[in-house]
Amino acid sequence: MIDQVGACRFATTREGTHFDAVVRAIVYQQLSGKAAATILRRVHDVYGGKPPTARRLLATADAPLRAAGLSQQKLGYLRDLAEQAVTRKLAFARLDTLDDEAVVEALTRVKGVGRWTAQMFLMFRLGRLDILPTGDLGIQNAVQRAWGLAERPQPVVVETLGAAWRPYATIACWYLWRSLDP
């Protein structure tokens, strides 16, 4: 697979804040990349072309954010995220110092942020190298293809196979995702 994909180009996204990264993750949930990018750009346009701060997001009426393309449900998720940031129930500044499971626990207290979203944050924002998102459909599909399985593997199978990738499961996942690229 490494020969097929080539050199590892795994990279984290460090621009913006941790808050911005979770806002982006929520906006991108269950949307195509292109549609999500358009909605996120429109949300930023509401704030003069920049990502909103938690306080500004809380102070913004629903109408312009809904007009930007946010569903009522995602808007509720973003408001919960912003509320937790403002009240410091979610200490973004400390996330870098927490172990992986503590980060997952902290982020999944936000409405609309599940384990998968927290794992993507760990991988692509914090650069944690041993994250294995066993519930990720792309990972499951790549494992099915690479191992010649008749069916997409359940998370427990991915976990069992992934034990061999530790302590670099993130890098293995990067290769698995890239192996699905045409």
N, C-alpha and C. Protein backbone atom coordinates (compact mmCIF):
# COMPACT_ATOMS: atom_id res chain seq x y z
N MET A 1 0.83 -1.18 0.00
CA MET A 1 0.00 0.00 0.00
C MET A 1 0.88 1.26 0.00
N ILE A 2 1.97 1.21 0.77
CA ILE A 2 2.88 2.36 0.81
C ILE A 2 3.48 2.59 -0.58
N ASP A 3 3.86 1.51 -1.26
CA ASP A 3 4.40 1.65 -2.62
C ASP A 3 3.35 2.25 -3.56
N GLN A 4 2.11 1.82 -3.41
CA GLN A 4 1.02 2.31 -4.26
C GLN A 4 0.75 3.79 -4.01
N VAL A 5 0.69 4.18 -2.74
CA VAL A 5 0.31 5.55 -2.37
C VAL A 5 1.50 6.50 -2.48
N GLY A 6 2.66 6.04 -2.10
CA GLY A 6 3.85 6.90 -2.13
C GLY A 6 4.18 7.45 -0.77
N ALA A 7 5.06 8.42 -0.77
CA ALA A 7 5.54 9.01 0.49
C ALA A 7 4.39 9.59 1.30
N CYS A 8 4.51 9.47 2.60
CA CYS A 8 3.48 10.00 3.51
C CYS A 8 3.52 11.53 3.50
N ARG A 9 2.37 12.11 3.26
CA ARG A 9 2.23 13.56 3.28
C ARG A 9 1.22 14.00 4.34
N PHE A 10 1.10 13.19 5.39
CA PHE A 10 0.20 13.54 6.48
C PHE A 10 0.61 14.90 7.04
N ALA A 11 -0.38 15.76 7.26
CA ALA A 11 -0.10 17.09 7.82
C ALA A 11 -1.27 17.52 8.69
N THR A 12 -0.94 18.28 9.69
CA THR A 12 -1.98 18.84 10.55
C THR A 12 -2.39 20.22 10.03
N THR A 13 -3.53 20.68 10.50
CA THR A 13 -4.02 22.01 10.17
C THR A 13 -3.85 22.87 11.42
N ARG A 14 -2.91 23.78 11.38
CA ARG A 14 -2.62 24.60 12.55
C ARG A 14 -3.14 26.03 12.44
N GLU A 15 -3.65 26.41 11.27
CA GLU A 15 -4.14 27.78 11.17
C GLU A 15 -5.44 27.92 11.95
N GLY A 16 -5.65 29.09 12.48
CA GLY A 16 -6.83 29.35 13.29
C GLY A 16 -6.67 28.76 14.68
N THR A 17 -7.77 28.75 15.40
CA THR A 17 -7.78 28.28 16.78
C THR A 17 -8.39 26.88 16.86
N HIS A 18 -8.26 26.28 18.03
CA HIS A 18 -8.93 25.00 18.25
C HIS A 18 -10.45 25.17 18.10
N PHE A 19 -10.97 26.29 18.59
CA PHE A 19 -12.41 26.57 18.44
C PHE A 19 -12.78 26.57 16.96
N ASP A 20 -11.98 27.27 16.13
CA ASP A 20 -12.25 27.31 14.69
C ASP A 20 -12.27 25.90 14.09
N ALA A 21 -11.35 25.06 14.54
CA ALA A 21 -11.25 23.70 14.01
C ALA A 21 -12.50 22.88 14.33
N VAL A 22 -13.05 23.05 15.52
CA VAL A 22 -14.26 22.30 15.87
C VAL A 22 -15.47 22.88 15.14
N VAL A 23 -15.52 24.21 14.98
CA VAL A 23 -16.59 24.81 14.18
C VAL A 23 -16.56 24.20 12.78
N ARG A 24 -15.39 24.15 12.18
CA ARG A 24 -15.24 23.59 10.84
C ARG A 24 -15.71 22.13 10.82
N ALA A 25 -15.31 21.36 11.81
CA ALA A 25 -15.69 19.95 11.86
C ALA A 25 -17.21 19.79 11.92
N ILE A 26 -17.86 20.62 12.71
CA ILE A 26 -19.33 20.55 12.81
C ILE A 26 -19.97 20.92 11.48
N VAL A 27 -19.50 21.99 10.86
CA VAL A 27 -20.07 22.40 9.57
C VAL A 27 -19.91 21.30 8.53
N TYR A 28 -18.77 20.62 8.54
CA TYR A 28 -18.46 19.61 7.52
C TYR A 28 -19.18 18.28 7.75
N GLN A 29 -19.77 18.07 8.92
CA GLN A 29 -20.41 16.78 9.20
C GLN A 29 -21.51 16.48 8.19
N GLN A 30 -21.46 15.29 7.62
CA GLN A 30 -22.49 14.73 6.75
C GLN A 30 -22.76 15.57 5.50
N LEU A 31 -21.73 16.31 5.05
CA LEU A 31 -21.86 17.08 3.81
C LEU A 31 -20.69 16.76 2.90
N SER A 32 -20.87 16.97 1.62
CA SER A 32 -19.73 16.84 0.70
C SER A 32 -18.76 17.97 1.04
N GLY A 33 -17.51 17.74 0.73
CA GLY A 33 -16.49 18.75 1.02
C GLY A 33 -16.80 20.09 0.36
N LYS A 34 -17.27 20.04 -0.88
CA LYS A 34 -17.55 21.28 -1.62
C LYS A 34 -18.71 22.05 -0.98
N ALA A 35 -19.78 21.35 -0.65
CA ALA A 35 -20.94 22.02 -0.03
C ALA A 35 -20.55 22.60 1.32
N ALA A 36 -19.80 21.83 2.12
CA ALA A 36 -19.40 22.30 3.44
C ALA A 36 -18.48 23.51 3.34
N ALA A 37 -17.56 23.49 2.38
CA ALA A 37 -16.64 24.62 2.21
C ALA A 37 -17.41 25.89 1.85
N THR A 38 -18.43 25.75 1.02
CA THR A 38 -19.26 26.90 0.65
C THR A 38 -19.99 27.45 1.87
N ILE A 39 -20.57 26.57 2.66
CA ILE A 39 -21.31 27.01 3.86
C ILE A 39 -20.34 27.66 4.85
N LEU A 40 -19.19 27.06 5.06
CA LEU A 40 -18.23 27.64 6.00
C LEU A 40 -17.77 29.02 5.52
N ARG A 41 -17.51 29.17 4.22
CA ARG A 41 -17.12 30.48 3.68
C ARG A 41 -18.23 31.51 3.93
N ARG A 42 -19.48 31.10 3.73
CA ARG A 42 -20.60 32.02 3.95
C ARG A 42 -20.72 32.39 5.43
N VAL A 43 -20.48 31.42 6.30
CA VAL A 43 -20.50 31.73 7.74
C VAL A 43 -19.41 32.74 8.06
N HIS A 44 -18.21 32.52 7.53
CA HIS A 44 -17.12 33.48 7.74
C HIS A 44 -17.47 34.85 7.17
N ASP A 45 -18.18 34.88 6.05
CA ASP A 45 -18.60 36.15 5.45
C ASP A 45 -19.50 36.95 6.40
N VAL A 46 -20.29 36.25 7.19
CA VAL A 46 -21.13 36.93 8.19
C VAL A 46 -20.24 37.73 9.16
N TYR A 47 -19.01 37.29 9.33
CA TYR A 47 -18.07 37.91 10.27
C TYR A 47 -16.93 38.62 9.54
N GLY A 48 -17.24 39.18 8.38
CA GLY A 48 -16.24 39.94 7.65
C GLY A 48 -15.15 39.09 7.01
N GLY A 49 -15.48 37.84 6.69
CA GLY A 49 -14.52 36.96 6.03
C GLY A 49 -13.60 36.22 6.98
N LYS A 50 -13.89 36.28 8.26
CA LYS A 50 -13.06 35.62 9.26
C LYS A 50 -13.89 34.63 10.07
N PRO A 51 -13.23 33.65 10.69
CA PRO A 51 -13.98 32.73 11.56
C PRO A 51 -14.54 33.50 12.76
N PRO A 52 -15.73 33.11 13.22
CA PRO A 52 -16.30 33.81 14.38
C PRO A 52 -15.60 33.39 15.67
N THR A 53 -15.55 34.31 16.60
CA THR A 53 -15.15 33.94 17.96
C THR A 53 -16.39 33.35 18.63
N ALA A 54 -16.20 32.71 19.75
CA ALA A 54 -17.33 32.12 20.47
C ALA A 54 -18.32 33.20 20.88
N ARG A 55 -17.82 34.31 21.40
CA ARG A 55 -18.70 35.39 21.85
C ARG A 55 -19.50 35.99 20.69
N ARG A 56 -18.83 36.19 19.55
CA ARG A 56 -19.52 36.77 18.40
C ARG A 56 -20.57 35.80 17.87
N LEU A 57 -20.26 34.51 17.86
CA LEU A 57 -21.22 33.53 17.39
C LEU A 57 -22.47 33.55 18.27
N LEU A 58 -22.26 33.62 19.58
CA LEU A 58 -23.40 33.65 20.51
C LEU A 58 -24.23 34.92 20.34
N ALA A 59 -23.59 36.01 19.95
CA ALA A 59 -24.29 37.29 19.82
C ALA A 59 -24.99 37.45 18.47
N THR A 60 -24.76 36.54 17.56
CA THR A 60 -25.34 36.63 16.21
C THR A 60 -26.72 35.99 16.18
N ALA A 61 -27.65 36.70 15.57
CA ALA A 61 -29.00 36.15 15.40
C ALA A 61 -28.95 34.92 14.50
N ASP A 62 -29.97 34.10 14.60
CA ASP A 62 -30.04 32.89 13.79
C ASP A 62 -30.11 33.18 12.29
N ALA A 63 -30.87 34.20 11.90
CA ALA A 63 -31.19 34.44 10.49
C ALA A 63 -29.96 34.49 9.58
N PRO A 64 -28.93 35.29 9.87
CA PRO A 64 -27.80 35.32 8.93
C PRO A 64 -27.04 33.99 8.87
N LEU A 65 -27.01 33.27 9.95
CA LEU A 65 -26.31 31.99 9.96
C LEU A 65 -27.12 30.92 9.23
N ARG A 66 -28.42 30.98 9.36
CA ARG A 66 -29.28 30.06 8.61
C ARG A 66 -29.20 30.40 7.12
N ALA A 67 -29.16 31.71 6.79
CA ALA A 67 -29.04 32.13 5.39
C ALA A 67 -27.71 31.70 4.79
N ALA A 68 -26.70 31.53 5.63
CA ALA A 68 -25.38 31.05 5.17
C ALA A 68 -25.42 29.57 4.83
N GLY A 69 -26.48 28.88 5.27
CA GLY A 69 -26.64 27.47 4.94
C GLY A 69 -26.59 26.52 6.11
N LEU A 70 -26.46 27.05 7.32
CA LEU A 70 -26.44 26.16 8.49
C LEU A 70 -27.84 25.66 8.79
N SER A 71 -27.95 24.38 9.04
CA SER A 71 -29.24 23.83 9.48
C SER A 71 -29.50 24.29 10.91
N GLN A 72 -30.75 24.23 11.32
CA GLN A 72 -31.10 24.59 12.69
C GLN A 72 -30.34 23.70 13.67
N GLN A 73 -30.19 22.42 13.33
CA GLN A 73 -29.50 21.49 14.21
C GLN A 73 -28.03 21.86 14.35
N LYS A 74 -27.35 22.12 13.23
CA LYS A 74 -25.93 22.49 13.31
C LYS A 74 -25.74 23.83 14.01
N LEU A 75 -26.66 24.73 13.80
CA LEU A 75 -26.58 26.01 14.50
C LEU A 75 -26.66 25.78 16.00
N GLY A 76 -27.53 24.88 16.43
CA GLY A 76 -27.62 24.53 17.85
C GLY A 76 -26.32 23.94 18.36
N TYR A 77 -25.68 23.09 17.55
CA TYR A 77 -24.39 22.50 17.94
C TYR A 77 -23.33 23.60 18.09
N LEU A 78 -23.31 24.52 17.14
CA LEU A 78 -22.32 25.60 17.20
C LEU A 78 -22.56 26.51 18.40
N ARG A 79 -23.81 26.75 18.72
CA ARG A 79 -24.12 27.59 19.89
C ARG A 79 -23.71 26.87 21.18
N ASP A 80 -23.91 25.56 21.25
CA ASP A 80 -23.47 24.81 22.43
C ASP A 80 -21.95 24.86 22.54
N LEU A 81 -21.26 24.69 21.42
CA LEU A 81 -19.80 24.78 21.41
C LEU A 81 -19.35 26.15 21.89
N ALA A 82 -19.96 27.20 21.36
CA ALA A 82 -19.58 28.56 21.74
C ALA A 82 -19.87 28.82 23.22
N GLU A 83 -21.00 28.35 23.70
CA GLU A 83 -21.36 28.51 25.11
C GLU A 83 -20.33 27.83 26.01
N GLN A 84 -19.93 26.61 25.63
CA GLN A 84 -18.93 25.90 26.43
C GLN A 84 -17.58 26.59 26.38
N ALA A 85 -17.27 27.22 25.25
CA ALA A 85 -16.01 27.97 25.14
C ALA A 85 -16.04 29.22 26.03
N VAL A 86 -17.13 29.95 25.97
CA VAL A 86 -17.25 31.19 26.73
C VAL A 86 -17.26 30.92 28.24
N THR A 87 -17.98 29.88 28.65
CA THR A 87 -18.06 29.57 30.08
C THR A 87 -16.86 28.75 30.57
N ARG A 88 -16.01 28.37 29.62
CA ARG A 88 -14.80 27.58 29.89
C ARG A 88 -15.09 26.18 30.41
N LYS A 89 -16.30 25.69 30.13
CA LYS A 89 -16.58 24.28 30.40
C LYS A 89 -15.69 23.42 29.51
N LEU A 90 -15.38 23.94 28.33
CA LEU A 90 -14.43 23.30 27.43
C LEU A 90 -13.22 24.22 27.33
N ALA A 91 -12.14 23.80 27.94
CA ALA A 91 -10.92 24.62 27.99
C ALA A 91 -10.05 24.31 26.77
N PHE A 92 -10.28 25.04 25.71
CA PHE A 92 -9.55 24.80 24.47
C PHE A 92 -8.04 24.91 24.66
N ALA A 93 -7.60 25.83 25.50
CA ALA A 93 -6.16 26.04 25.71
C ALA A 93 -5.48 24.83 26.33
N ARG A 94 -6.24 24.00 27.01
CA ARG A 94 -5.67 22.82 27.67
C ARG A 94 -5.71 21.56 26.83
N LEU A 95 -6.42 21.56 25.73
CA LEU A 95 -6.60 20.33 24.96
C LEU A 95 -5.26 19.72 24.53
N ASP A 96 -4.30 20.56 24.18
CA ASP A 96 -2.98 20.04 23.78
C ASP A 96 -2.31 19.23 24.88
N THR A 97 -2.64 19.53 26.13
CA THR A 97 -1.96 18.89 27.27
C THR A 97 -2.65 17.62 27.74
N LEU A 98 -3.85 17.35 27.24
CA LEU A 98 -4.62 16.19 27.69
C LEU A 98 -4.25 14.94 26.89
N ASP A 99 -4.43 13.78 27.51
CA ASP A 99 -4.23 12.54 26.75
C ASP A 99 -5.40 12.36 25.79
N ASP A 100 -5.25 11.43 24.86
CA ASP A 100 -6.23 11.25 23.79
C ASP A 100 -7.65 11.04 24.30
N GLU A 101 -7.83 10.14 25.24
CA GLU A 101 -9.18 9.85 25.73
C GLU A 101 -9.78 11.05 26.46
N ALA A 102 -8.96 11.82 27.15
CA ALA A 102 -9.46 13.02 27.83
C ALA A 102 -9.92 14.07 26.82
N VAL A 103 -9.22 14.18 25.69
CA VAL A 103 -9.66 15.09 24.63
C VAL A 103 -10.99 14.62 24.06
N VAL A 104 -11.11 13.33 23.80
CA VAL A 104 -12.37 12.78 23.28
C VAL A 104 -13.50 13.06 24.27
N GLU A 105 -13.24 12.82 25.54
CA GLU A 105 -14.26 13.05 26.56
C GLU A 105 -14.66 14.52 26.61
N ALA A 106 -13.70 15.42 26.55
CA ALA A 106 -14.00 16.85 26.61
C ALA A 106 -14.81 17.30 25.39
N LEU A 107 -14.39 16.89 24.21
CA LEU A 107 -15.08 17.34 23.00
C LEU A 107 -16.46 16.73 22.83
N THR A 108 -16.63 15.49 23.26
CA THR A 108 -17.93 14.84 23.06
C THR A 108 -18.98 15.33 24.05
N ARG A 109 -18.60 16.20 24.96
CA ARG A 109 -19.60 16.87 25.81
C ARG A 109 -20.35 17.95 25.04
N VAL A 110 -19.81 18.34 23.90
CA VAL A 110 -20.47 19.33 23.05
C VAL A 110 -21.52 18.62 22.21
N LYS A 111 -22.72 19.18 22.18
CA LYS A 111 -23.78 18.59 21.36
C LYS A 111 -23.31 18.55 19.91
N GLY A 112 -23.51 17.40 19.28
CA GLY A 112 -23.15 17.26 17.87
C GLY A 112 -21.72 16.84 17.62
N VAL A 113 -20.92 16.72 18.66
CA VAL A 113 -19.55 16.26 18.50
C VAL A 113 -19.46 14.85 19.06
N GLY A 114 -19.25 13.91 18.17
CA GLY A 114 -19.14 12.51 18.58
C GLY A 114 -17.69 12.06 18.60
N ARG A 115 -17.52 10.81 18.87
CA ARG A 115 -16.17 10.23 18.97
C ARG A 115 -15.38 10.42 17.67
N TRP A 116 -16.02 10.20 16.51
CA TRP A 116 -15.32 10.34 15.24
C TRP A 116 -14.79 11.76 15.06
N THR A 117 -15.63 12.76 15.33
CA THR A 117 -15.20 14.15 15.18
C THR A 117 -14.04 14.45 16.12
N ALA A 118 -14.12 13.96 17.34
CA ALA A 118 -13.03 14.16 18.30
C ALA A 118 -11.75 13.48 17.82
N GLN A 119 -11.88 12.30 17.23
CA GLN A 119 -10.70 11.60 16.71
C GLN A 119 -10.07 12.36 15.54
N MET A 120 -10.90 12.94 14.68
CA MET A 120 -10.36 13.73 13.57
C MET A 120 -9.62 14.96 14.11
N PHE A 121 -10.14 15.56 15.17
CA PHE A 121 -9.48 16.69 15.82
C PHE A 121 -8.11 16.24 16.37
N LEU A 122 -8.09 15.11 17.01
CA LEU A 122 -6.83 14.58 17.54
C LEU A 122 -5.81 14.36 16.43
N MET A 123 -6.26 13.80 15.34
CA MET A 123 -5.36 13.49 14.23
C MET A 123 -4.90 14.75 13.50
N PHE A 124 -5.85 15.51 13.01
CA PHE A 124 -5.54 16.56 12.05
C PHE A 124 -5.35 17.94 12.66
N ARG A 125 -5.72 18.10 13.91
CA ARG A 125 -5.45 19.39 14.58
C ARG A 125 -4.29 19.25 15.56
N LEU A 126 -4.36 18.22 16.41
CA LEU A 126 -3.32 18.06 17.44
C LEU A 126 -2.15 17.21 16.96
N GLY A 127 -2.31 16.54 15.83
CA GLY A 127 -1.21 15.75 15.28
C GLY A 127 -0.87 14.51 16.09
N ARG A 128 -1.86 13.95 16.76
CA ARG A 128 -1.63 12.73 17.53
C ARG A 128 -1.44 11.57 16.57
N LEU A 129 -0.40 10.80 16.77
CA LEU A 129 0.01 9.80 15.79
C LEU A 129 -0.55 8.40 16.01
N ASP A 130 -1.29 8.19 17.10
CA ASP A 130 -1.78 6.83 17.37
C ASP A 130 -3.30 6.80 17.54
N ILE A 131 -4.00 7.38 16.59
CA ILE A 131 -5.46 7.41 16.63
C ILE A 131 -6.00 6.45 15.58
N LEU A 132 -6.93 5.61 15.99
CA LEU A 132 -7.53 4.62 15.10
C LEU A 132 -9.05 4.77 15.14
N PRO A 133 -9.62 5.51 14.19
CA PRO A 133 -11.07 5.69 14.15
C PRO A 133 -11.76 4.46 13.53
N THR A 134 -11.99 3.47 14.36
CA THR A 134 -12.51 2.19 13.88
C THR A 134 -13.89 2.29 13.26
N GLY A 135 -14.65 3.33 13.58
CA GLY A 135 -15.98 3.50 13.02
C GLY A 135 -16.00 4.27 11.72
N ASP A 136 -14.86 4.71 11.24
CA ASP A 136 -14.78 5.49 10.01
C ASP A 136 -15.04 4.59 8.80
N LEU A 137 -16.01 4.96 7.98
CA LEU A 137 -16.37 4.13 6.83
C LEU A 137 -15.24 4.02 5.82
N GLY A 138 -14.49 5.08 5.63
CA GLY A 138 -13.36 5.04 4.72
C GLY A 138 -12.31 4.04 5.18
N ILE A 139 -12.01 4.05 6.47
CA ILE A 139 -11.05 3.09 7.02
C ILE A 139 -11.59 1.67 6.85
N GLN A 140 -12.86 1.47 7.16
CA GLN A 140 -13.45 0.14 7.02
C GLN A 140 -13.42 -0.32 5.56
N ASN A 141 -13.74 0.58 4.63
CA ASN A 141 -13.72 0.22 3.21
C ASN A 141 -12.30 -0.11 2.74
N ALA A 142 -11.33 0.67 3.20
CA ALA A 142 -9.94 0.42 2.79
C ALA A 142 -9.43 -0.90 3.36
N VAL A 143 -9.80 -1.20 4.61
CA VAL A 143 -9.40 -2.48 5.20
C VAL A 143 -10.06 -3.62 4.43
N GLN A 144 -11.33 -3.48 4.10
CA GLN A 144 -12.02 -4.51 3.33
C GLN A 144 -11.29 -4.78 2.02
N ARG A 145 -10.93 -3.71 1.33
CA ARG A 145 -10.24 -3.86 0.04
C ARG A 145 -8.84 -4.45 0.23
N ALA A 146 -8.07 -3.90 1.16
CA ALA A 146 -6.68 -4.33 1.34
C ALA A 146 -6.57 -5.77 1.82
N TRP A 147 -7.50 -6.20 2.65
CA TRP A 147 -7.45 -7.56 3.19
C TRP A 147 -8.33 -8.53 2.40
N GLY A 148 -8.97 -8.04 1.35
CA GLY A 148 -9.79 -8.91 0.51
C GLY A 148 -10.98 -9.50 1.25
N LEU A 149 -11.60 -8.73 2.12
CA LEU A 149 -12.74 -9.22 2.91
C LEU A 149 -14.03 -9.16 2.09
N ALA A 150 -14.90 -10.10 2.30
CA ALA A 150 -16.17 -10.16 1.58
C ALA A 150 -17.11 -9.02 2.00
N GLU A 151 -17.01 -8.59 3.27
CA GLU A 151 -17.87 -7.53 3.79
C GLU A 151 -17.02 -6.48 4.48
N ARG A 152 -17.61 -5.29 4.59
CA ARG A 152 -16.92 -4.23 5.33
C ARG A 152 -16.76 -4.68 6.78
N PRO A 153 -15.55 -4.57 7.33
CA PRO A 153 -15.31 -5.08 8.68
C PRO A 153 -15.95 -4.21 9.76
N GLN A 154 -16.37 -4.85 10.81
CA GLN A 154 -16.90 -4.16 11.98
C GLN A 154 -15.74 -3.48 12.71
N PRO A 155 -16.05 -2.46 13.53
CA PRO A 155 -14.98 -1.76 14.25
C PRO A 155 -14.06 -2.68 15.06
N VAL A 156 -14.59 -3.74 15.64
CA VAL A 156 -13.75 -4.64 16.43
C VAL A 156 -12.70 -5.33 15.56
N VAL A 157 -13.03 -5.62 14.31
CA VAL A 157 -12.07 -6.23 13.39
C VAL A 157 -10.99 -5.21 13.04
N VAL A 158 -11.41 -3.96 12.77
CA VAL A 158 -10.44 -2.90 12.47
C VAL A 158 -9.51 -2.70 13.67
N GLU A 159 -10.07 -2.73 14.86
CA GLU A 159 -9.26 -2.58 16.09
C GLU A 159 -8.24 -3.71 16.19
N THR A 160 -8.66 -4.92 15.92
CA THR A 160 -7.75 -6.07 16.00
C THR A 160 -6.63 -5.96 14.98
N LEU A 161 -6.98 -5.67 13.73
CA LEU A 161 -5.95 -5.50 12.69
C LEU A 161 -5.06 -4.30 12.99
N GLY A 162 -5.67 -3.24 13.49
CA GLY A 162 -4.95 -2.00 13.77
C GLY A 162 -3.97 -2.08 14.91
N ALA A 163 -4.05 -3.11 15.73
CA ALA A 163 -3.10 -3.26 16.83
C ALA A 163 -1.67 -3.30 16.30
N ALA A 164 -1.48 -3.84 15.11
CA ALA A 164 -0.14 -3.93 14.51
C ALA A 164 0.39 -2.56 14.06
N TRP A 165 -0.48 -1.57 13.94
CA TRP A 165 -0.07 -0.26 13.44
C TRP A 165 0.39 0.67 14.56
N ARG A 166 0.16 0.27 15.79
CA ARG A 166 0.52 1.12 16.93
C ARG A 166 2.02 1.17 17.10
N PRO A 167 2.60 2.28 17.46
CA PRO A 167 2.01 3.55 17.90
C PRO A 167 1.81 4.57 16.78
N TYR A 168 1.63 4.12 15.54
CA TYR A 168 1.47 5.04 14.41
C TYR A 168 0.18 4.77 13.64
N ALA A 169 -0.90 4.51 14.36
CA ALA A 169 -2.18 4.20 13.71
C ALA A 169 -2.66 5.35 12.84
N THR A 170 -2.39 6.58 13.23
CA THR A 170 -2.80 7.73 12.42
C THR A 170 -2.18 7.66 11.03
N ILE A 171 -0.90 7.33 10.98
CA ILE A 171 -0.20 7.25 9.70
C ILE A 171 -0.76 6.09 8.86
N ALA A 172 -1.03 4.96 9.51
CA ALA A 172 -1.64 3.83 8.80
C ALA A 172 -3.00 4.25 8.23
N CYS A 173 -3.78 5.00 9.01
CA CYS A 173 -5.08 5.46 8.54
C CYS A 173 -4.93 6.40 7.34
N TRP A 174 -3.94 7.27 7.41
CA TRP A 174 -3.69 8.17 6.28
C TRP A 174 -3.47 7.35 5.01
N TYR A 175 -2.64 6.30 5.11
CA TYR A 175 -2.40 5.44 3.95
C TYR A 175 -3.67 4.72 3.52
N LEU A 176 -4.45 4.25 4.48
CA LEU A 176 -5.69 3.57 4.14
C LEU A 176 -6.63 4.50 3.38
N TRP A 177 -6.80 5.72 3.87
CA TRP A 177 -7.67 6.68 3.17
C TRP A 177 -7.14 6.96 1.77
N ARG A 178 -5.84 7.19 1.65
CA ARG A 178 -5.24 7.49 0.34
C ARG A 178 -5.37 6.31 -0.61
N SER A 179 -5.37 5.08 -0.07
CA SER A 179 -5.48 3.91 -0.94
C SER A 179 -6.82 3.86 -1.66
N LEU A 180 -7.79 4.60 -1.17
CA LEU A 180 -9.12 4.66 -1.81
C LEU A 180 -9.20 5.72 -2.90
N ASP A 181 -8.19 6.59 -2.97
CA ASP A 181 -8.19 7.64 -4.00
C ASP A 181 -8.02 6.99 -5.37
N PRO A 182 -8.69 7.53 -6.37
CA PRO A 182 -8.54 6.95 -7.71
C PRO A 182 -7.12 7.15 -8.24
